[in-house]
Amino acid sequence: MAIGSKELAPAELDTFENERLAEELRKAKEELFNLRFQSATGQLESHGRLRAVKRDIARIYTVIRERELGIRATPEAVSGQAPKAKTKAKTTKSKKADADASVETVAESTDATTEESK
């Protein structure tokens, strides 16, 4: 598969396992390094290639982050292994509940401090 091509579309990245995504990211970063080196020495033939590789790297990072947040599903194991447990991202409600609880705790400690000083 060529990096920086239409073959590396987000729909295809969905089918990759996390290890394969990490490998594609490593290859893309290596290619970007080589392209930058060629550009600095005046040997670069296709400047559009730099842009395509940068975009591929951004796509891969986006897919990885969306999987971490639970927005995008990780593909099932092909070899018949049990699927790995997915981590759930905190929802807005639970974050709000956590914030409310911390505010109440701070308010209670402030009340206790003012009572002690009287």
PDB file of N, CA and C in Angstrom:
ATOM      1  N   MET A   1       0.844  -1.161   0.000  1.00  0.00           N
ATOM      2  CA  MET A   1       0.000   0.000   0.000  1.00  0.00           C
ATOM      3  C   MET A   1       0.897   1.234   0.000  1.00  0.00           C
ATOM      4  N   ALA A   2       0.594   2.130  -0.841  1.00  0.00           N
ATOM      5  CA  ALA A   2       1.375   3.361  -0.927  1.00  0.00           C
ATOM      6  C   ALA A   2       0.844   4.376   0.074  1.00  0.00           C
ATOM      7  N   ILE A   3       1.739   4.981   0.794  1.00  0.00           N
ATOM      8  CA  ILE A   3       1.359   6.027   1.740  1.00  0.00           C
ATOM      9  C   ILE A   3       1.083   7.297   0.938  1.00  0.00           C
ATOM     10  N   GLY A   4       0.094   8.061   1.353  1.00  0.00           N
ATOM     11  CA  GLY A   4      -0.214   9.303   0.683  1.00  0.00           C
ATOM     12  C   GLY A   4      -1.054   9.120  -0.561  1.00  0.00           C
ATOM     13  N   SER A   5      -1.803   8.051  -0.594  1.00  0.00           N
ATOM     14  CA  SER A   5      -2.628   7.804  -1.762  1.00  0.00           C
ATOM     15  C   SER A   5      -4.083   7.692  -1.337  1.00  0.00           C
ATOM     16  N   LYS A   6      -4.944   7.518  -2.310  1.00  0.00           N
ATOM     17  CA  LYS A   6      -6.365   7.372  -2.012  1.00  0.00           C
ATOM     18  C   LYS A   6      -6.653   6.028  -1.347  1.00  0.00           C
ATOM     19  N   GLU A   7      -5.676   5.128  -1.361  1.00  0.00           N
ATOM     20  CA  GLU A   7      -5.862   3.823  -0.731  1.00  0.00           C
ATOM     21  C   GLU A   7      -5.924   3.935   0.795  1.00  0.00           C
ATOM     22  N   LEU A   8      -5.396   5.009   1.346  1.00  0.00           N
ATOM     23  CA  LEU A   8      -5.357   5.177   2.793  1.00  0.00           C
ATOM     24  C   LEU A   8      -6.497   6.082   3.250  1.00  0.00           C
ATOM     25  N   ALA A   9      -7.690   5.727   2.862  1.00  0.00           N
ATOM     26  CA  ALA A   9      -8.889   6.488   3.215  1.00  0.00           C
ATOM     27  C   ALA A   9      -9.344   6.103   4.626  1.00  0.00           C
ATOM     28  N   PRO A  10     -10.088   6.972   5.283  1.00  0.00           N
ATOM     29  CA  PRO A  10     -10.558   6.655   6.638  1.00  0.00           C
ATOM     30  C   PRO A  10     -11.368   5.353   6.701  1.00  0.00           C
ATOM     31  N   ALA A  11     -12.113   5.041   5.653  1.00  0.00           N
ATOM     32  CA  ALA A  11     -12.889   3.799   5.647  1.00  0.00           C
ATOM     33  C   ALA A  11     -11.964   2.589   5.682  1.00  0.00           C
ATOM     34  N   GLU A  12     -10.826   2.684   5.010  1.00  0.00           N
ATOM     35  CA  GLU A  12      -9.881   1.575   5.036  1.00  0.00           C
ATOM     36  C   GLU A  12      -9.135   1.521   6.369  1.00  0.00           C
ATOM     37  N   LEU A  13      -8.852   2.674   6.945  1.00  0.00           N
ATOM     38  CA  LEU A  13      -8.173   2.705   8.240  1.00  0.00           C
ATOM     39  C   LEU A  13      -9.023   2.055   9.326  1.00  0.00           C
ATOM     40  N   ASP A  14     -10.336   2.075   9.160  1.00  0.00           N
ATOM     41  CA  ASP A  14     -11.225   1.434  10.124  1.00  0.00           C
ATOM     42  C   ASP A  14     -10.988  -0.064  10.202  1.00  0.00           C
ATOM     43  N   THR A  15     -10.535  -0.673   9.122  1.00  0.00           N
ATOM     44  CA  THR A  15     -10.346  -2.118   9.089  1.00  0.00           C
ATOM     45  C   THR A  15      -9.011  -2.543   9.688  1.00  0.00           C
ATOM     46  N   PHE A  16      -8.109  -1.604   9.952  1.00  0.00           N
ATOM     47  CA  PHE A  16      -6.790  -1.929  10.472  1.00  0.00           C
ATOM     48  C   PHE A  16      -6.834  -2.149  11.974  1.00  0.00           C
ATOM     49  N   GLU A  17      -6.051  -3.097  12.438  1.00  0.00           N
ATOM     50  CA  GLU A  17      -5.861  -3.311  13.870  1.00  0.00           C
ATOM     51  C   GLU A  17      -4.965  -2.192  14.402  1.00  0.00           C
ATOM     52  N   ASN A  18      -4.918  -2.018  15.697  1.00  0.00           N
ATOM     53  CA  ASN A  18      -4.109  -0.962  16.300  1.00  0.00           C
ATOM     54  C   ASN A  18      -2.626  -1.122  15.974  1.00  0.00           C
ATOM     55  N   GLU A  19      -2.137  -2.361  15.952  1.00  0.00           N
ATOM     56  CA  GLU A  19      -0.734  -2.605  15.637  1.00  0.00           C
ATOM     57  C   GLU A  19      -0.419  -2.195  14.200  1.00  0.00           C
ATOM     58  N   ARG A  20      -1.337  -2.487  13.297  1.00  0.00           N
ATOM     59  CA  ARG A  20      -1.139  -2.129  11.891  1.00  0.00           C
ATOM     60  C   ARG A  20      -1.178  -0.609  11.722  1.00  0.00           C
ATOM     61  N   LEU A  21      -2.064   0.054  12.453  1.00  0.00           N
ATOM     62  CA  LEU A  21      -2.102   1.514  12.408  1.00  0.00           C
ATOM     63  C   LEU A  21      -0.778   2.105  12.890  1.00  0.00           C
ATOM     64  N   ALA A  22      -0.238   1.558  13.967  1.00  0.00           N
ATOM     65  CA  ALA A  22       1.033   2.036  14.490  1.00  0.00           C
ATOM     66  C   ALA A  22       2.149   1.831  13.461  1.00  0.00           C
ATOM     67  N   GLU A  23       2.118   0.705  12.767  1.00  0.00           N
ATOM     68  CA  GLU A  23       3.124   0.430  11.735  1.00  0.00           C
ATOM     69  C   GLU A  23       2.973   1.393  10.557  1.00  0.00           C
ATOM     70  N   GLU A  24       1.753   1.651  10.131  1.00  0.00           N
ATOM     71  CA  GLU A  24       1.517   2.607   9.040  1.00  0.00           C
ATOM     72  C   GLU A  24       1.964   4.008   9.443  1.00  0.00           C
ATOM     73  N   LEU A  25       1.726   4.371  10.694  1.00  0.00           N
ATOM     74  CA  LEU A  25       2.149   5.673  11.197  1.00  0.00           C
ATOM     75  C   LEU A  25       3.674   5.777  11.176  1.00  0.00           C
ATOM     76  N   ARG A  26       4.336   4.729  11.603  1.00  0.00           N
ATOM     77  CA  ARG A  26       5.800   4.727  11.592  1.00  0.00           C
ATOM     78  C   ARG A  26       6.335   4.878  10.178  1.00  0.00           C
ATOM     79  N   LYS A  27       5.736   4.132   9.228  1.00  0.00           N
ATOM     80  CA  LYS A  27       6.187   4.221   7.831  1.00  0.00           C
ATOM     81  C   LYS A  27       5.936   5.608   7.252  1.00  0.00           C
ATOM     82  N   ALA A  28       4.792   6.201   7.576  1.00  0.00           N
ATOM     83  CA  ALA A  28       4.459   7.529   7.060  1.00  0.00           C
ATOM     84  C   ALA A  28       5.414   8.580   7.622  1.00  0.00           C
ATOM     85  N   LYS A  29       5.739   8.477   8.904  1.00  0.00           N
ATOM     86  CA  LYS A  29       6.668   9.429   9.500  1.00  0.00           C
ATOM     87  C   LYS A  29       8.066   9.285   8.893  1.00  0.00           C
ATOM     88  N   GLU A  30       8.456   8.055   8.637  1.00  0.00           N
ATOM     89  CA  GLU A  30       9.755   7.803   8.008  1.00  0.00           C
ATOM     90  C   GLU A  30       9.788   8.397   6.599  1.00  0.00           C
ATOM     91  N   GLU A  31       8.710   8.219   5.854  1.00  0.00           N
ATOM     92  CA  GLU A  31       8.635   8.773   4.508  1.00  0.00           C
ATOM     93  C   GLU A  31       8.650  10.305   4.553  1.00  0.00           C
ATOM     94  N   LEU A  32       7.946  10.897   5.509  1.00  0.00           N
ATOM     95  CA  LEU A  32       7.942  12.349   5.648  1.00  0.00           C
ATOM     96  C   LEU A  32       9.347  12.864   5.950  1.00  0.00           C
ATOM     97  N   PHE A  33      10.062  12.172   6.806  1.00  0.00           N
ATOM     98  CA  PHE A  33      11.441  12.551   7.108  1.00  0.00           C
ATOM     99  C   PHE A  33      12.283  12.536   5.843  1.00  0.00           C
ATOM    100  N   ASN A  34      12.158  11.463   5.063  1.00  0.00           N
ATOM    101  CA  ASN A  34      12.941  11.352   3.825  1.00  0.00           C
ATOM    102  C   ASN A  34      12.561  12.447   2.828  1.00  0.00           C
ATOM    103  N   LEU A  35      11.270  12.754   2.728  1.00  0.00           N
ATOM    104  CA  LEU A  35      10.831  13.803   1.807  1.00  0.00           C
ATOM    105  C   LEU A  35      11.351  15.170   2.241  1.00  0.00           C
ATOM    106  N   ARG A  36      11.345  15.426   3.540  1.00  0.00           N
ATOM    107  CA  ARG A  36      11.882  16.698   4.030  1.00  0.00           C
ATOM    108  C   ARG A  36      13.377  16.795   3.758  1.00  0.00           C
ATOM    109  N   PHE A  37      14.069  15.708   3.909  1.00  0.00           N
ATOM    110  CA  PHE A  37      15.501  15.680   3.647  1.00  0.00           C
ATOM    111  C   PHE A  37      15.757  15.956   2.168  1.00  0.00           C
ATOM    112  N   GLN A  38      14.973  15.321   1.293  1.00  0.00           N
ATOM    113  CA  GLN A  38      15.112  15.556  -0.141  1.00  0.00           C
ATOM    114  C   GLN A  38      14.809  17.010  -0.487  1.00  0.00           C
ATOM    115  N   SER A  39      13.813  17.585   0.171  1.00  0.00           N
ATOM    116  CA  SER A  39      13.452  18.977  -0.073  1.00  0.00           C
ATOM    117  C   SER A  39      14.594  19.918   0.330  1.00  0.00           C
ATOM    118  N   ALA A  40      15.219  19.635   1.445  1.00  0.00           N
ATOM    119  CA  ALA A  40      16.306  20.480   1.935  1.00  0.00           C
ATOM    120  C   ALA A  40      17.529  20.415   1.021  1.00  0.00           C
ATOM    121  N   THR A  41      17.747  19.274   0.388  1.00  0.00           N
ATOM    122  CA  THR A  41      18.913  19.121  -0.492  1.00  0.00           C
ATOM    123  C   THR A  41      18.587  19.435  -1.949  1.00  0.00           C
ATOM    124  N   GLY A  42      17.342  19.788  -2.220  1.00  0.00           N
ATOM    125  CA  GLY A  42      16.962  20.153  -3.586  1.00  0.00           C
ATOM    126  C   GLY A  42      16.710  18.978  -4.500  1.00  0.00           C
ATOM    127  N   GLN A  43      16.485  17.807  -3.947  1.00  0.00           N
ATOM    128  CA  GLN A  43      16.277  16.605  -4.755  1.00  0.00           C
ATOM    129  C   GLN A  43      14.813  16.196  -4.853  1.00  0.00           C
ATOM    130  N   LEU A  44      13.928  16.924  -4.218  1.00  0.00           N
ATOM    131  CA  LEU A  44      12.517  16.552  -4.192  1.00  0.00           C
ATOM    132  C   LEU A  44      11.871  16.835  -5.544  1.00  0.00           C
ATOM    133  N   GLU A  45      11.216  15.814  -6.085  1.00  0.00           N
ATOM    134  CA  GLU A  45      10.575  15.947  -7.399  1.00  0.00           C
ATOM    135  C   GLU A  45       9.106  16.325  -7.268  1.00  0.00           C
ATOM    136  N   SER A  46       8.421  15.809  -6.251  1.00  0.00           N
ATOM    137  CA  SER A  46       7.000  16.044  -6.109  1.00  0.00           C
ATOM    138  C   SER A  46       6.706  16.692  -4.757  1.00  0.00           C
ATOM    139  N   HIS A  47       6.461  18.004  -4.777  1.00  0.00           N
ATOM    140  CA  HIS A  47       6.174  18.712  -3.536  1.00  0.00           C
ATOM    141  C   HIS A  47       4.792  18.364  -2.990  1.00  0.00           C
ATOM    142  N   GLY A  48       3.898  17.925  -3.838  1.00  0.00           N
ATOM    143  CA  GLY A  48       2.567  17.531  -3.397  1.00  0.00           C
ATOM    144  C   GLY A  48       2.595  16.290  -2.527  1.00  0.00           C
ATOM    145  N   ARG A  49       3.650  15.519  -2.671  1.00  0.00           N
ATOM    146  CA  ARG A  49       3.798  14.297  -1.875  1.00  0.00           C
ATOM    147  C   ARG A  49       3.933  14.626  -0.385  1.00  0.00           C
ATOM    148  N   LEU A  50       4.628  15.726  -0.077  1.00  0.00           N
ATOM    149  CA  LEU A  50       4.762  16.150   1.320  1.00  0.00           C
ATOM    150  C   LEU A  50       3.385  16.372   1.948  1.00  0.00           C
ATOM    151  N   ARG A  51       2.549  17.075   1.237  1.00  0.00           N
ATOM    152  CA  ARG A  51       1.210  17.381   1.737  1.00  0.00           C
ATOM    153  C   ARG A  51       0.386  16.106   1.929  1.00  0.00           C
ATOM    154  N   ALA A  52       0.488  15.175   0.975  1.00  0.00           N
ATOM    155  CA  ALA A  52      -0.283  13.939   1.057  1.00  0.00           C
ATOM    156  C   ALA A  52       0.148  13.090   2.255  1.00  0.00           C
ATOM    157  N   VAL A  53       1.450  13.026   2.498  1.00  0.00           N
ATOM    158  CA  VAL A  53       1.945  12.222   3.619  1.00  0.00           C
ATOM    159  C   VAL A  53       1.547  12.854   4.950  1.00  0.00           C
ATOM    160  N   LYS A  54       1.607  14.187   5.042  1.00  0.00           N
ATOM    161  CA  LYS A  54       1.177  14.867   6.270  1.00  0.00           C
ATOM    162  C   LYS A  54      -0.293  14.584   6.552  1.00  0.00           C
ATOM    163  N   ARG A  55      -1.097  14.596   5.510  1.00  0.00           N
ATOM    164  CA  ARG A  55      -2.520  14.327   5.696  1.00  0.00           C
ATOM    165  C   ARG A  55      -2.764  12.879   6.117  1.00  0.00           C
ATOM    166  N   ASP A  56      -1.984  11.950   5.564  1.00  0.00           N
ATOM    167  CA  ASP A  56      -2.114  10.551   5.976  1.00  0.00           C
ATOM    168  C   ASP A  56      -1.779  10.389   7.457  1.00  0.00           C
ATOM    169  N   ILE A  57      -0.730  11.071   7.900  1.00  0.00           N
ATOM    170  CA  ILE A  57      -0.351  11.007   9.311  1.00  0.00           C
ATOM    171  C   ILE A  57      -1.486  11.557  10.175  1.00  0.00           C
ATOM    172  N   ALA A  58      -2.080  12.657   9.748  1.00  0.00           N
ATOM    173  CA  ALA A  58      -3.194  13.235  10.499  1.00  0.00           C
ATOM    174  C   ALA A  58      -4.385  12.291  10.532  1.00  0.00           C
ATOM    175  N   ARG A  59      -4.671  11.618   9.425  1.00  0.00           N
ATOM    176  CA  ARG A  59      -5.777  10.652   9.391  1.00  0.00           C
ATOM    177  C   ARG A  59      -5.544   9.518  10.378  1.00  0.00           C
ATOM    178  N   ILE A  60      -4.326   9.005  10.403  1.00  0.00           N
ATOM    179  CA  ILE A  60      -4.008   7.889  11.291  1.00  0.00           C
ATOM    180  C   ILE A  60      -4.147   8.328  12.747  1.00  0.00           C
ATOM    181  N   TYR A  61      -3.606   9.506  13.080  1.00  0.00           N
ATOM    182  CA  TYR A  61      -3.740  10.017  14.442  1.00  0.00           C
ATOM    183  C   TYR A  61      -5.209  10.205  14.822  1.00  0.00           C
ATOM    184  N   THR A  62      -6.011  10.667  13.878  1.00  0.00           N
ATOM    185  CA  THR A  62      -7.436  10.872  14.149  1.00  0.00           C
ATOM    186  C   THR A  62      -8.127   9.553  14.461  1.00  0.00           C
ATOM    187  N   VAL A  63      -7.853   8.525  13.674  1.00  0.00           N
ATOM    188  CA  VAL A  63      -8.470   7.217  13.906  1.00  0.00           C
ATOM    189  C   VAL A  63      -8.042   6.658  15.259  1.00  0.00           C
ATOM    190  N   ILE A  64      -6.766   6.785  15.588  1.00  0.00           N
ATOM    191  CA  ILE A  64      -6.274   6.284  16.875  1.00  0.00           C
ATOM    192  C   ILE A  64      -6.967   7.005  18.027  1.00  0.00           C
ATOM    193  N   ARG A  65      -7.076   8.324  17.940  1.00  0.00           N
ATOM    194  CA  ARG A  65      -7.702   9.103  19.018  1.00  0.00           C
ATOM    195  C   ARG A  65      -9.189   8.800  19.137  1.00  0.00           C
ATOM    196  N   GLU A  66      -9.864   8.649  18.002  1.00  0.00           N
ATOM    197  CA  GLU A  66     -11.289   8.331  18.050  1.00  0.00           C
ATOM    198  C   GLU A  66     -11.521   6.963  18.681  1.00  0.00           C
ATOM    199  N   ARG A  67     -10.615   6.033  18.452  1.00  0.00           N
ATOM    200  CA  ARG A  67     -10.737   4.723  19.103  1.00  0.00           C
ATOM    201  C   ARG A  67     -10.531   4.847  20.603  1.00  0.00           C
ATOM    202  N   GLU A  68      -9.589   5.690  21.029  1.00  0.00           N
ATOM    203  CA  GLU A  68      -9.363   5.895  22.456  1.00  0.00           C
ATOM    204  C   GLU A  68     -10.603   6.469  23.134  1.00  0.00           C
ATOM    205  N   LEU A  69     -11.270   7.371  22.437  1.00  0.00           N
ATOM    206  CA  LEU A  69     -12.452   8.016  23.006  1.00  0.00           C
ATOM    207  C   LEU A  69     -13.718   7.184  22.855  1.00  0.00           C
ATOM    208  N   GLY A  70     -13.659   6.102  22.096  1.00  0.00           N
ATOM    209  CA  GLY A  70     -14.814   5.254  21.895  1.00  0.00           C
ATOM    210  C   GLY A  70     -15.742   5.743  20.797  1.00  0.00           C
ATOM    211  N   ILE A  71     -15.297   6.707  20.006  1.00  0.00           N
ATOM    212  CA  ILE A  71     -16.110   7.234  18.914  1.00  0.00           C
ATOM    213  C   ILE A  71     -16.112   6.263  17.738  1.00  0.00           C
ATOM    214  N   ARG A  72     -14.969   5.671  17.490  1.00  0.00           N
ATOM    215  CA  ARG A  72     -14.797   4.749  16.368  1.00  0.00           C
ATOM    216  C   ARG A  72     -14.511   3.367  16.934  1.00  0.00           C
ATOM    217  N   ALA A  73     -15.145   2.353  16.377  1.00  0.00           N
ATOM    218  CA  ALA A  73     -15.003   0.991  16.886  1.00  0.00           C
ATOM    219  C   ALA A  73     -13.703   0.359  16.387  1.00  0.00           C
ATOM    220  N   THR A  74     -13.092  -0.449  17.256  1.00  0.00           N
ATOM    221  CA  THR A  74     -11.920  -1.220  16.889  1.00  0.00           C
ATOM    222  C   THR A  74     -12.396  -2.481  16.180  1.00  0.00           C
ATOM    223  N   PRO A  75     -11.752  -2.877  15.061  1.00  0.00           N
ATOM    224  CA  PRO A  75     -12.203  -4.072  14.352  1.00  0.00           C
ATOM    225  C   PRO A  75     -12.033  -5.322  15.205  1.00  0.00           C
ATOM    226  N   GLU A  76     -12.919  -6.283  14.996  1.00  0.00           N
ATOM    227  CA  GLU A  76     -12.867  -7.544  15.740  1.00  0.00           C
ATOM    228  C   GLU A  76     -11.638  -8.339  15.314  1.00  0.00           C
ATOM    229  N   ALA A  77     -11.153  -9.167  16.223  1.00  0.00           N
ATOM    230  CA  ALA A  77     -10.002 -10.009  15.921  1.00  0.00           C
ATOM    231  C   ALA A  77     -10.378 -11.029  14.853  1.00  0.00           C
ATOM    232  N   VAL A  78      -9.544 -11.163  13.849  1.00  0.00           N
ATOM    233  CA  VAL A  78      -9.830 -12.045  12.723  1.00  0.00           C
ATOM    234  C   VAL A  78      -9.558 -13.499  13.086  1.00  0.00           C
ATOM    235  N   SER A  79      -8.589 -13.748  13.967  1.00  0.00           N
ATOM    236  CA  SER A  79      -8.171 -15.113  14.261  1.00  0.00           C
ATOM    237  C   SER A  79      -9.115 -15.845  15.205  1.00  0.00           C
ATOM    238  N   GLY A  80     -10.250 -15.272  15.528  1.00  0.00           N
ATOM    239  CA  GLY A  80     -11.222 -15.935  16.384  1.00  0.00           C
ATOM    240  C   GLY A  80     -10.977 -15.725  17.859  1.00  0.00           C
ATOM    241  N   GLN A  81     -10.054 -14.842  18.209  1.00  0.00           N
ATOM    242  CA  GLN A  81      -9.804 -14.543  19.608  1.00  0.00           C
ATOM    243  C   GLN A  81     -10.954 -13.716  20.154  1.00  0.00           C
ATOM    244  N   ALA A  82     -11.064 -13.717  21.450  1.00  0.00           N
ATOM    245  CA  ALA A  82     -12.110 -12.913  22.079  1.00  0.00           C
ATOM    246  C   ALA A  82     -11.783 -11.442  21.881  1.00  0.00           C
ATOM    247  N   PRO A  83     -12.779 -10.616  21.612  1.00  0.00           N
ATOM    248  CA  PRO A  83     -12.506  -9.195  21.438  1.00  0.00           C
ATOM    249  C   PRO A  83     -12.021  -8.571  22.736  1.00  0.00           C
ATOM    250  N   LYS A  84     -11.131  -7.597  22.603  1.00  0.00           N
ATOM    251  CA  LYS A  84     -10.580  -6.917  23.773  1.00  0.00           C
ATOM    252  C   LYS A  84     -11.641  -6.000  24.357  1.00  0.00           C
ATOM    253  N   ALA A  85     -11.546  -5.799  25.653  1.00  0.00           N
ATOM    254  CA  ALA A  85     -12.505  -4.923  26.324  1.00  0.00           C
ATOM    255  C   ALA A  85     -12.286  -3.493  25.869  1.00  0.00           C
ATOM    256  N   LYS A  86     -13.379  -2.807  25.621  1.00  0.00           N
ATOM    257  CA  LYS A  86     -13.295  -1.417  25.196  1.00  0.00           C
ATOM    258  C   LYS A  86     -13.432  -0.533  26.417  1.00  0.00           C
ATOM    259  N   THR A  87     -12.691   0.557  26.407  1.00  0.00           N
ATOM    260  CA  THR A  87     -12.810   1.504  27.505  1.00  0.00           C
ATOM    261  C   THR A  87     -13.848   2.540  27.123  1.00  0.00           C
ATOM    262  N   LYS A  88     -14.644   2.911  28.100  1.00  0.00           N
ATOM    263  CA  LYS A  88     -15.678   3.901  27.842  1.00  0.00           C
ATOM    264  C   LYS A  88     -15.161   5.282  28.197  1.00  0.00           C
ATOM    265  N   ALA A  89     -15.458   6.223  27.361  1.00  0.00           N
ATOM    266  CA  ALA A  89     -15.119   7.606  27.651  1.00  0.00           C
ATOM    267  C   ALA A  89     -16.192   8.183  28.567  1.00  0.00           C
ATOM    268  N   LYS A  90     -15.796   9.104  29.419  1.00  0.00           N
ATOM    269  CA  LYS A  90     -16.769   9.726  30.306  1.00  0.00           C
ATOM    270  C   LYS A  90     -17.739  10.552  29.489  1.00  0.00           C
ATOM    271  N   THR A  91     -18.976  10.468  29.851  1.00  0.00           N
ATOM    272  CA  THR A  91     -19.982  11.257  29.159  1.00  0.00           C
ATOM    273  C   THR A  91     -20.075  12.631  29.802  1.00  0.00           C
ATOM    274  N   THR A  92     -20.770  13.501  29.151  1.00  0.00           N
ATOM    275  CA  THR A  92     -20.927  14.854  29.667  1.00  0.00           C
ATOM    276  C   THR A  92     -21.660  14.844  31.002  1.00  0.00           C
ATOM    277  N   LYS A  93     -22.642  13.955  31.148  1.00  0.00           N
ATOM    278  CA  LYS A  93     -23.385  13.886  32.400  1.00  0.00           C
ATOM    279  C   LYS A  93     -22.474  13.495  33.556  1.00  0.00           C
ATOM    280  N   SER A  94     -21.641  12.474  33.361  1.00  0.00           N
ATOM    281  CA  SER A  94     -20.785  12.027  34.452  1.00  0.00           C
ATOM    282  C   SER A  94     -19.730  13.083  34.770  1.00  0.00           C
ATOM    283  N   LYS A  95     -19.242  13.808  33.774  1.00  0.00           N
ATOM    284  CA  LYS A  95     -18.289  14.883  34.049  1.00  0.00           C
ATOM    285  C   LYS A  95     -18.962  15.980  34.859  1.00  0.00           C
ATOM    286  N   LYS A  96     -20.210  16.295  34.503  1.00  0.00           N
ATOM    287  CA  LYS A  96     -20.946  17.328  35.224  1.00  0.00           C
ATOM    288  C   LYS A  96     -21.200  16.873  36.660  1.00  0.00           C
ATOM    289  N   ALA A  97     -21.538  15.599  36.847  1.00  0.00           N
ATOM    290  CA  ALA A  97     -21.778  15.079  38.195  1.00  0.00           C
ATOM    291  C   ALA A  97     -20.495  15.141  39.019  1.00  0.00           C
ATOM    292  N   ASP A  98     -19.346  14.812  38.402  1.00  0.00           N
ATOM    293  CA  ASP A  98     -18.072  14.889  39.101  1.00  0.00           C
ATOM    294  C   ASP A  98     -17.764  16.327  39.500  1.00  0.00           C
ATOM    295  N   ALA A  99     -18.039  17.259  38.613  1.00  0.00           N
ATOM    296  CA  ALA A  99     -17.779  18.673  38.899  1.00  0.00           C
ATOM    297  C   ALA A  99     -18.678  19.158  40.031  1.00  0.00           C
ATOM    298  N   ASP A 100     -19.962  18.769  40.004  1.00  0.00           N
ATOM    299  CA  ASP A 100     -20.886  19.166  41.061  1.00  0.00           C
ATOM    300  C   ASP A 100     -20.446  18.608  42.410  1.00  0.00           C
ATOM    301  N   ALA A 101     -19.979  17.358  42.422  1.00  0.00           N
ATOM    302  CA  ALA A 101     -19.532  16.734  43.664  1.00  0.00           C
ATOM    303  C   ALA A 101     -18.309  17.452  44.219  1.00  0.00           C
ATOM    304  N   SER A 102     -17.387  17.858  43.349  1.00  0.00           N
ATOM    305  CA  SER A 102     -16.196  18.552  43.830  1.00  0.00           C
ATOM    306  C   SER A 102     -16.546  19.937  44.346  1.00  0.00           C
ATOM    307  N   VAL A 103     -17.509  20.594  43.719  1.00  0.00           N
ATOM    308  CA  VAL A 103     -17.949  21.908  44.188  1.00  0.00           C
ATOM    309  C   VAL A 103     -18.578  21.780  45.567  1.00  0.00           C
ATOM    310  N   GLU A 104     -19.401  20.734  45.780  1.00  0.00           N
ATOM    311  CA  GLU A 104     -20.028  20.519  47.078  1.00  0.00           C
ATOM    312  C   GLU A 104     -18.976  20.256  48.143  1.00  0.00           C
ATOM    313  N   THR A 105     -17.946  19.481  47.799  1.00  0.00           N
ATOM    314  CA  THR A 105     -16.884  19.177  48.751  1.00  0.00           C
ATOM    315  C   THR A 105     -16.137  20.445  49.154  1.00  0.00           C
ATOM    316  N   VAL A 106     -15.850  21.284  48.181  1.00  0.00           N
ATOM    317  CA  VAL A 106     -15.159  22.540  48.468  1.00  0.00           C
ATOM    318  C   VAL A 106     -16.039  23.430  49.331  1.00  0.00           C
ATOM    319  N   ALA A 107     -17.328  23.481  49.028  1.00  0.00           N
ATOM    320  CA  ALA A 107     -18.250  24.310  49.815  1.00  0.00           C
ATOM    321  C   ALA A 107     -18.335  23.807  51.251  1.00  0.00           C
ATOM    322  N   GLU A 108     -18.378  22.488  51.449  1.00  0.00           N
ATOM    323  CA  GLU A 108     -18.448  21.920  52.791  1.00  0.00           C
ATOM    324  C   GLU A 108     -17.182  22.231  53.572  1.00  0.00           C
ATOM    325  N   SER A 109     -16.019  22.116  52.916  1.00  0.00           N
ATOM    326  CA  SER A 109     -14.769  22.386  53.615  1.00  0.00           C
ATOM    327  C   SER A 109     -14.661  23.876  53.974  1.00  0.00           C
ATOM    328  N   THR A 110     -15.178  24.737  53.115  1.00  0.00           N
ATOM    329  CA  THR A 110     -15.174  26.172  53.404  1.00  0.00           C
ATOM    330  C   THR A 110     -16.074  26.476  54.600  1.00  0.00           C
ATOM    331  N   ASP A 111     -17.255  25.836  54.646  1.00  0.00           N
ATOM    332  CA  ASP A 111     -18.163  26.023  55.771  1.00  0.00           C
ATOM    333  C   ASP A 111     -17.521  25.549  57.065  1.00  0.00           C
ATOM    334  N   ALA A 112     -16.831  24.422  57.036  1.00  0.00           N
ATOM    335  CA  ALA A 112     -16.190  23.877  58.234  1.00  0.00           C
ATOM    336  C   ALA A 112     -15.071  24.809  58.696  1.00  0.00           C
ATOM    337  N   THR A 113     -14.353  25.395  57.767  1.00  0.00           N
ATOM    338  CA  THR A 113     -13.254  26.309  58.111  1.00  0.00           C
ATOM    339  C   THR A 113     -13.783  27.578  58.756  1.00  0.00           C
ATOM    340  N   THR A 114     -14.872  28.106  58.231  1.00  0.00           N
ATOM    341  CA  THR A 114     -15.445  29.340  58.798  1.00  0.00           C
ATOM    342  C   THR A 114     -16.033  29.086  60.179  1.00  0.00           C
ATOM    343  N   GLU A 115     -16.597  27.903  60.431  1.00  0.00           N
ATOM    344  CA  GLU A 115     -17.150  27.582  61.728  1.00  0.00           C
ATOM    345  C   GLU A 115     -16.046  27.448  62.766  1.00  0.00           C
ATOM    346  N   GLU A 116     -14.893  26.886  62.345  1.00  0.00           N
ATOM    347  CA  GLU A 116     -13.775  26.712  63.264  1.00  0.00           C
ATOM    348  C   GLU A 116     -13.186  28.050  63.671  1.00  0.00           C
ATOM    349  N   SER A 117     -13.184  29.001  62.747  1.00  0.00           N
ATOM    350  CA  SER A 117     -12.579  30.306  63.039  1.00  0.00           C
ATOM    351  C   SER A 117     -13.458  31.165  63.941  1.00  0.00           C
ATOM    352  N   LYS A 118     -14.728  30.831  64.124  1.00  0.00           N
ATOM    353  CA  LYS A 118     -15.639  31.612  64.971  1.00  0.00           C
ATOM    354  C   LYS A 118     -15.418  31.318  66.389  1.00  0.00           C
TER     355      LYS A 118
END
